[in-house]
């Protein structure tokens, strides 16, 4: 049974913007960001996801734990970081469509923190906000069947994988399948699902963007609960994904492409007719003078043809 949600105009616009950002990542050879950026983003991911859950260790302390340096802090919070490091380091080895691997991932995240890590809850739970019950989760006996249905939706539904990852995140939080750790496993598994769309998502710190909008994150979860559909949550998560991609692009070191690499990359990604400005946009960091020289050389080599003159000149691949 397909979870209830609508594909709104806003969702379509955001989805298009995400595809555009992924195209820029490809043109910049960011399929796997350089090592320093990968490390920095992984630390941001771990720190942010745990901070959302109340972990008080700062990013410097998380960095030290990643580097196997001893830090002073609450034992439980240090263990949360150590567990998260293991879970994210193992992420690519998990099968995105496997309930068994989903449970294994929860086990890594929550080992030593709860009584039954990696196992569905065995009691009724609710979510408190202050002294008020914000959400009563489905009965524990329903959890295995509901999660089986949710993984079935991932496998069988034809909607784009990016949208399905958002739906999964919301529906899993609604089902609340574990005693504790539902938030952190929801964010981790959405990343695993996004990696099926594009491997770069392993290194995109979406959790940091969520942390910076934490109140809105909880608000759209509640709004979607009240509406009985995840539409608003999908919109929020697509915004977070798009923003996180743009930040990663902005933080990346621009590779020193030579002419051949620049030209091949541009001609592979640009459409029918394009101008010098478009050529610059897919070769981030080059000057207009460099773009003009590249285009002139492409004309001389017969790889493109042109139409118009001056600023109105357009080019097309032969």
Protein backbone atom coordinates (compact mmCIF):
# COMPACT_ATOMS: atom_id res chain seq x y z
CA UNK A 1 0.00 0.00 0.00
CA UNK A 2 1.47 3.35 -1.05
CA UNK A 3 1.94 5.86 1.79
CA UNK A 4 -0.25 8.96 1.39
CA UNK A 5 1.41 12.05 -0.10
CA UNK A 6 0.98 14.44 -3.03
CA UNK A 7 3.51 15.51 -5.67
CA UNK A 8 3.09 19.29 -5.49
CA UNK A 9 4.48 21.97 -7.80
CA UNK A 10 6.95 22.85 -5.04
CA UNK A 11 8.18 19.25 -4.91
CA UNK A 12 8.70 19.19 -8.68
CA UNK A 13 10.63 22.48 -8.61
CA UNK A 14 12.88 21.29 -5.77
CA UNK A 15 13.43 17.94 -7.45
CA UNK A 16 14.55 19.74 -10.61
CA UNK A 17 16.93 21.95 -8.61
CA UNK A 18 18.46 18.86 -6.96
CA UNK A 19 19.02 17.24 -10.36
CA UNK A 20 20.66 20.47 -11.54
CA UNK A 21 22.96 20.48 -8.49
CA UNK A 22 23.86 16.83 -9.10
CA UNK A 23 24.69 17.78 -12.69
CA UNK A 24 27.05 20.46 -11.40
CA UNK A 25 28.67 17.90 -9.10
CA UNK A 26 29.28 15.68 -12.11
CA UNK A 27 30.74 18.51 -14.18
CA UNK A 28 33.10 19.34 -11.29
CA UNK A 29 34.13 15.69 -10.90
CA UNK A 30 32.61 15.63 -7.40
CA UNK A 31 31.24 12.10 -7.69
CA UNK A 32 33.58 11.47 -4.77
CA UNK A 33 34.71 14.75 -3.17
CA UNK A 34 38.38 15.15 -2.27
CA UNK A 35 39.44 13.48 0.99
CA UNK A 36 39.54 16.59 3.18
CA UNK A 37 35.99 17.58 2.20
CA UNK A 38 34.72 14.00 2.70
CA UNK A 39 36.19 13.89 6.19
CA UNK A 40 34.89 17.33 7.15
CA UNK A 41 31.39 16.56 5.89
CA UNK A 42 31.30 13.17 7.65
CA UNK A 43 32.19 14.85 10.95
CA UNK A 44 29.47 17.48 10.37
CA UNK A 45 26.97 14.69 9.66
CA UNK A 46 27.75 12.76 12.86
CA UNK A 47 27.88 15.85 15.08
CA UNK A 48 24.64 17.27 13.70
CA UNK A 49 22.58 14.08 13.79
CA UNK A 50 23.52 13.47 17.42
CA UNK A 51 23.09 17.13 18.40
CA UNK A 52 19.50 16.93 17.16
CA UNK A 53 19.00 14.16 19.73
CA UNK A 54 20.52 16.21 22.56
CA UNK A 55 24.19 15.17 22.44
CA UNK A 56 26.19 18.11 23.88
CA UNK A 57 29.66 17.29 22.51
CA UNK A 58 30.91 20.02 20.21
CA UNK A 59 32.32 19.47 16.74
CA UNK A 60 35.90 19.70 18.04
CA UNK A 61 35.25 16.85 20.47
CA UNK A 62 33.58 14.78 17.73
CA UNK A 63 36.62 15.40 15.50
CA UNK A 64 38.92 14.19 18.28
CA UNK A 65 36.90 10.98 18.71
CA UNK A 66 37.06 10.38 14.94
CA UNK A 67 40.86 10.75 15.29
CA UNK A 68 40.92 8.28 18.23
CA UNK A 69 41.93 11.02 20.65
CA UNK A 70 40.56 10.78 24.19
CA UNK A 71 38.09 13.50 25.17
CA UNK A 72 36.40 14.50 28.38
CA UNK A 73 32.63 14.22 28.32
CA UNK A 74 29.65 12.13 29.37
CA UNK A 75 30.39 8.45 28.68
CA UNK A 76 27.00 7.93 27.02
CA UNK A 77 27.54 10.81 24.59
CA UNK A 78 31.05 9.62 23.69
CA UNK A 79 29.61 6.15 23.01
CA UNK A 80 26.91 7.72 20.79
CA UNK A 81 29.64 9.30 18.67
CA UNK A 82 31.69 6.10 18.50
CA UNK A 83 28.61 4.13 17.44
CA UNK A 84 27.68 6.70 14.79
CA UNK A 85 31.22 6.57 13.36
CA UNK A 86 30.93 2.79 12.94
CA UNK A 87 27.45 3.03 11.41
CA UNK A 88 28.39 5.69 8.86
CA UNK A 89 31.66 3.92 8.03
CA UNK A 90 29.62 0.77 7.28
CA UNK A 91 26.89 2.59 5.34
CA UNK A 92 27.95 1.60 1.83
CA UNK A 93 28.05 -2.09 2.82
CA UNK A 94 24.35 -2.12 3.76
CA UNK A 95 21.71 -3.03 1.19
CA UNK A 96 19.25 -0.13 1.00
CA UNK A 97 16.27 -2.44 0.48
CA UNK A 98 17.08 -4.89 3.26
CA UNK A 99 15.16 -4.84 6.55
CA UNK A 100 17.87 -7.06 7.99
CA UNK A 101 20.56 -4.48 7.18
CA UNK A 102 18.29 -1.71 8.47
CA UNK A 103 18.14 -3.54 11.82
CA UNK A 104 21.92 -4.11 11.75
CA UNK A 105 22.46 -0.37 11.22
CA UNK A 106 20.25 0.44 14.20
CA UNK A 107 22.21 -2.11 16.22
CA UNK A 108 25.47 -0.32 15.42
CA UNK A 109 24.01 3.09 16.28
CA UNK A 110 22.49 2.01 19.59
CA UNK A 111 24.84 -0.69 20.90
CA UNK A 112 25.34 -0.21 24.63
CA UNK A 113 22.74 2.56 24.75
CA UNK A 114 19.46 0.62 24.93
CA UNK A 115 18.42 -2.87 26.02
CA UNK A 116 17.53 -4.26 22.57
CA UNK A 117 19.60 -2.53 19.85
CA UNK A 118 18.77 -3.69 16.35
CA UNK A 119 15.39 -5.10 17.36
CA UNK A 120 11.91 -3.71 16.85
CA UNK A 121 10.32 -2.36 20.03
CA UNK A 122 8.28 -4.60 22.30
CA UNK A 123 6.09 -2.02 23.97
CA UNK A 124 3.79 0.88 23.23
CA UNK A 125 5.52 4.27 22.93
CA UNK A 126 4.58 7.90 22.45
CA UNK A 127 6.53 11.07 21.70
CA UNK A 128 6.42 13.82 24.29
CA UNK A 129 6.93 17.52 23.64
CA UNK A 130 7.28 19.11 27.02
CA UNK A 131 4.55 17.50 29.08
CA UNK A 132 2.21 16.89 26.15
CA UNK A 133 1.98 13.73 24.05
CA UNK A 134 2.70 14.82 20.49
CA UNK A 135 2.45 11.45 18.77
CA UNK A 136 1.29 7.97 19.76
CA UNK A 137 3.03 5.37 17.63
CA UNK A 138 1.23 2.32 16.20
CA UNK A 139 1.05 -0.73 18.47
CA UNK A 140 4.27 -2.69 18.74
CA UNK A 141 2.67 -5.83 17.27
CA UNK A 142 2.02 -3.87 14.06
CA UNK A 143 5.61 -2.70 13.60
CA UNK A 144 7.08 -5.68 11.65
CA UNK A 145 4.21 -5.63 9.16
CA UNK A 146 4.30 -1.86 8.74
CA UNK A 147 8.05 -1.87 8.13
CA UNK A 148 7.71 -4.73 5.64
CA UNK A 149 5.10 -2.68 3.76
CA UNK A 150 7.38 0.38 3.83
CA UNK A 151 10.32 -1.53 2.36
CA UNK A 152 7.91 -2.98 -0.19
CA UNK A 153 6.97 0.55 -1.23
CA UNK A 154 10.65 1.35 -1.79
CA UNK A 155 11.02 -1.66 -4.04
CA UNK A 156 7.82 -1.46 -6.05
CA UNK A 157 6.83 2.22 -6.38
CA UNK A 158 7.82 4.14 -9.52
CA UNK A 159 8.30 7.59 -7.96
CA UNK A 160 11.87 9.00 -8.09
CA UNK A 161 14.26 7.57 -5.50
CA UNK A 162 14.97 10.99 -4.00
CA UNK A 163 11.28 11.50 -3.20
CA UNK A 164 10.89 7.95 -1.90
CA UNK A 165 13.80 8.52 0.49
CA UNK A 166 11.89 11.44 2.03
CA UNK A 167 8.70 9.38 2.28
CA UNK A 168 10.61 6.57 3.98
CA UNK A 169 12.14 9.00 6.49
CA UNK A 170 8.73 10.38 7.46
CA UNK A 171 6.88 7.04 7.55
CA UNK A 172 9.61 5.41 9.62
CA UNK A 173 9.43 8.23 12.16
CA UNK A 174 5.64 7.83 12.26
CA UNK A 175 5.88 4.06 12.84
CA UNK A 176 8.62 4.65 15.45
CA UNK A 177 9.84 1.06 15.20
CA UNK A 178 12.47 1.18 17.95
CA UNK A 179 12.59 1.94 21.66
CA UNK A 180 15.05 4.75 20.95
CA UNK A 181 17.26 5.99 18.13
CA UNK A 182 14.46 6.43 15.60
CA UNK A 183 15.57 9.90 14.56
CA UNK A 184 19.20 9.03 13.97
CA UNK A 185 18.41 5.79 12.09
CA UNK A 186 15.81 7.64 9.99
CA UNK A 187 18.37 10.21 8.89
CA UNK A 188 21.09 7.60 8.34
CA UNK A 189 18.84 5.36 6.25
CA UNK A 190 17.61 8.23 4.11
CA UNK A 191 21.26 8.88 3.28
CA UNK A 192 21.65 5.19 2.36
CA UNK A 193 18.62 5.43 0.07
CA UNK A 194 19.94 8.60 -1.55
CA UNK A 195 23.24 6.81 -2.25
CA UNK A 196 21.25 4.52 -4.55
CA UNK A 197 20.46 7.62 -6.63
CA UNK A 198 23.96 9.09 -6.55
CA UNK A 199 27.02 7.93 -4.53
CA UNK A 200 27.92 11.54 -3.69
CA UNK A 201 25.17 11.56 -1.04
CA UNK A 202 27.42 9.50 1.24
CA UNK A 203 29.40 12.71 1.74
CA UNK A 204 26.62 15.34 1.79
CA UNK A 205 25.92 16.55 5.38
CA UNK A 206 22.14 16.85 5.11
CA UNK A 207 21.96 16.33 8.87
CA UNK A 208 23.73 19.67 9.41
CA UNK A 209 21.07 21.49 7.39
CA UNK A 210 18.33 19.73 9.39
CA UNK A 211 20.02 20.70 12.67
CA UNK A 212 20.15 24.32 11.59
CA UNK A 213 16.37 24.16 11.00
CA UNK A 214 15.56 21.80 13.85
CA UNK A 215 12.38 23.50 15.02
CA UNK A 216 10.98 23.45 11.49
CA UNK A 217 12.01 19.79 11.13
CA UNK A 218 9.84 18.85 14.11
CA UNK A 219 7.09 21.23 13.00
CA UNK A 220 6.72 19.63 9.55
CA UNK A 221 6.75 16.17 11.13
CA UNK A 222 3.83 17.26 13.34
CA UNK A 223 2.10 19.03 10.44
CA UNK A 224 2.35 15.90 8.31
CA UNK A 225 0.98 13.81 11.20
CA UNK A 226 -2.01 16.12 11.50
CA UNK A 227 -2.60 16.12 7.73
CA UNK A 228 -2.31 12.33 7.49
CA UNK A 229 0.18 12.62 4.62
CA UNK A 230 3.90 13.37 4.30
CA UNK A 231 3.71 16.11 1.63
CA UNK A 232 5.03 18.96 3.81
CA UNK A 233 7.82 16.80 5.17
CA UNK A 234 8.88 15.84 1.63
CA UNK A 235 9.06 19.53 0.68
CA UNK A 236 11.18 20.29 3.77
CA UNK A 237 13.58 17.43 3.13
CA UNK A 238 14.00 18.30 -0.55
CA UNK A 239 14.89 21.85 0.50
CA UNK A 240 17.47 20.44 2.94
CA UNK A 241 18.95 18.14 0.29
CA UNK A 242 19.22 20.93 -2.29
CA UNK A 243 20.78 23.34 0.21
CA UNK A 244 23.28 20.73 1.38
CA UNK A 245 24.33 19.96 -2.19
CA UNK A 246 24.87 23.66 -2.96
CA UNK A 247 26.99 24.08 0.19
CA UNK A 248 29.13 21.11 -0.78
CA UNK A 249 29.63 22.50 -4.29
CA UNK A 250 30.62 25.83 -2.79
CA UNK A 251 33.11 24.18 -0.44
CA UNK A 252 34.76 22.02 -3.08
CA UNK A 253 38.21 22.72 -4.43
CA UNK A 254 37.88 23.45 -8.12
CA UNK A 255 39.96 20.93 -10.04
CA UNK A 256 42.54 22.41 -12.39
CA UNK A 257 41.05 20.97 -15.56
CA UNK A 258 42.96 21.30 -18.78
CA UNK A 259 41.22 22.31 -22.00
CA UNK A 260 40.35 18.77 -23.03
CA UNK A 261 38.69 17.91 -19.72
CA UNK A 262 36.78 21.22 -19.64
CA UNK A 263 35.54 20.80 -23.18
CA UNK A 264 34.52 17.15 -22.75
CA UNK A 265 32.68 17.90 -19.53
CA UNK A 266 30.84 20.91 -21.01
CA UNK A 267 29.81 19.22 -24.24
CA UNK A 268 28.54 16.20 -22.30
CA UNK A 269 26.29 18.27 -20.04
CA UNK A 270 25.17 21.26 -22.12
CA UNK A 271 22.06 21.10 -24.26
CA UNK A 272 21.48 21.95 -27.90
CA UNK A 273 22.50 25.61 -28.36
CA UNK A 274 24.49 27.27 -25.58
CA UNK A 275 26.43 30.49 -25.06
CA UNK A 276 29.69 31.43 -23.37
CA UNK A 277 27.92 32.09 -20.06
CA UNK A 278 26.55 28.54 -20.02
CA UNK A 279 30.04 27.18 -20.77
CA UNK A 280 31.42 29.11 -17.79
CA UNK A 281 28.61 27.85 -15.53
CA UNK A 282 29.55 24.19 -16.06
CA UNK A 283 33.27 24.91 -15.72
CA UNK A 284 33.10 26.63 -12.37
CA UNK A 285 36.00 28.95 -11.67
CA UNK A 286 37.21 29.70 -15.20
CA UNK A 287 37.24 33.23 -16.57
CA UNK A 288 35.23 34.44 -19.55
CA UNK A 289 38.52 34.90 -21.40
CA UNK A 290 39.38 31.23 -20.86
CA UNK A 291 35.89 30.24 -22.00
CA UNK A 292 36.28 32.32 -25.16
CA UNK A 293 39.62 30.64 -25.95
CA UNK A 294 38.12 27.19 -25.34
CA UNK A 295 35.17 27.88 -27.63
CA UNK A 296 37.39 29.28 -30.35
CA UNK A 297 39.54 26.16 -30.20
CA UNK A 298 36.45 23.93 -30.34
CA UNK A 299 35.36 25.77 -33.48
CA UNK A 300 38.79 25.35 -35.08
CA UNK A 301 38.76 21.63 -34.23
CA UNK A 302 35.30 21.30 -35.75
CA UNK A 303 33.76 19.94 -32.57
CA UNK A 304 31.13 22.71 -32.41
CA UNK A 305 29.39 25.03 -34.84
CA UNK A 306 28.31 28.60 -34.09
CA UNK A 307 25.48 30.97 -34.88
CA UNK A 308 25.34 34.73 -34.34
CA UNK A 309 28.08 37.22 -33.50
CA UNK A 310 29.52 38.93 -30.43
CA UNK A 311 27.51 38.49 -27.24
CA UNK A 312 24.77 36.76 -29.23
CA UNK A 313 27.03 33.92 -30.39
CA UNK A 314 25.60 30.48 -29.69
CA UNK A 315 27.34 27.12 -30.03
CA UNK A 316 26.18 23.60 -30.72
CA UNK A 317 28.00 20.29 -30.64
CA UNK A 318 28.57 18.81 -34.11
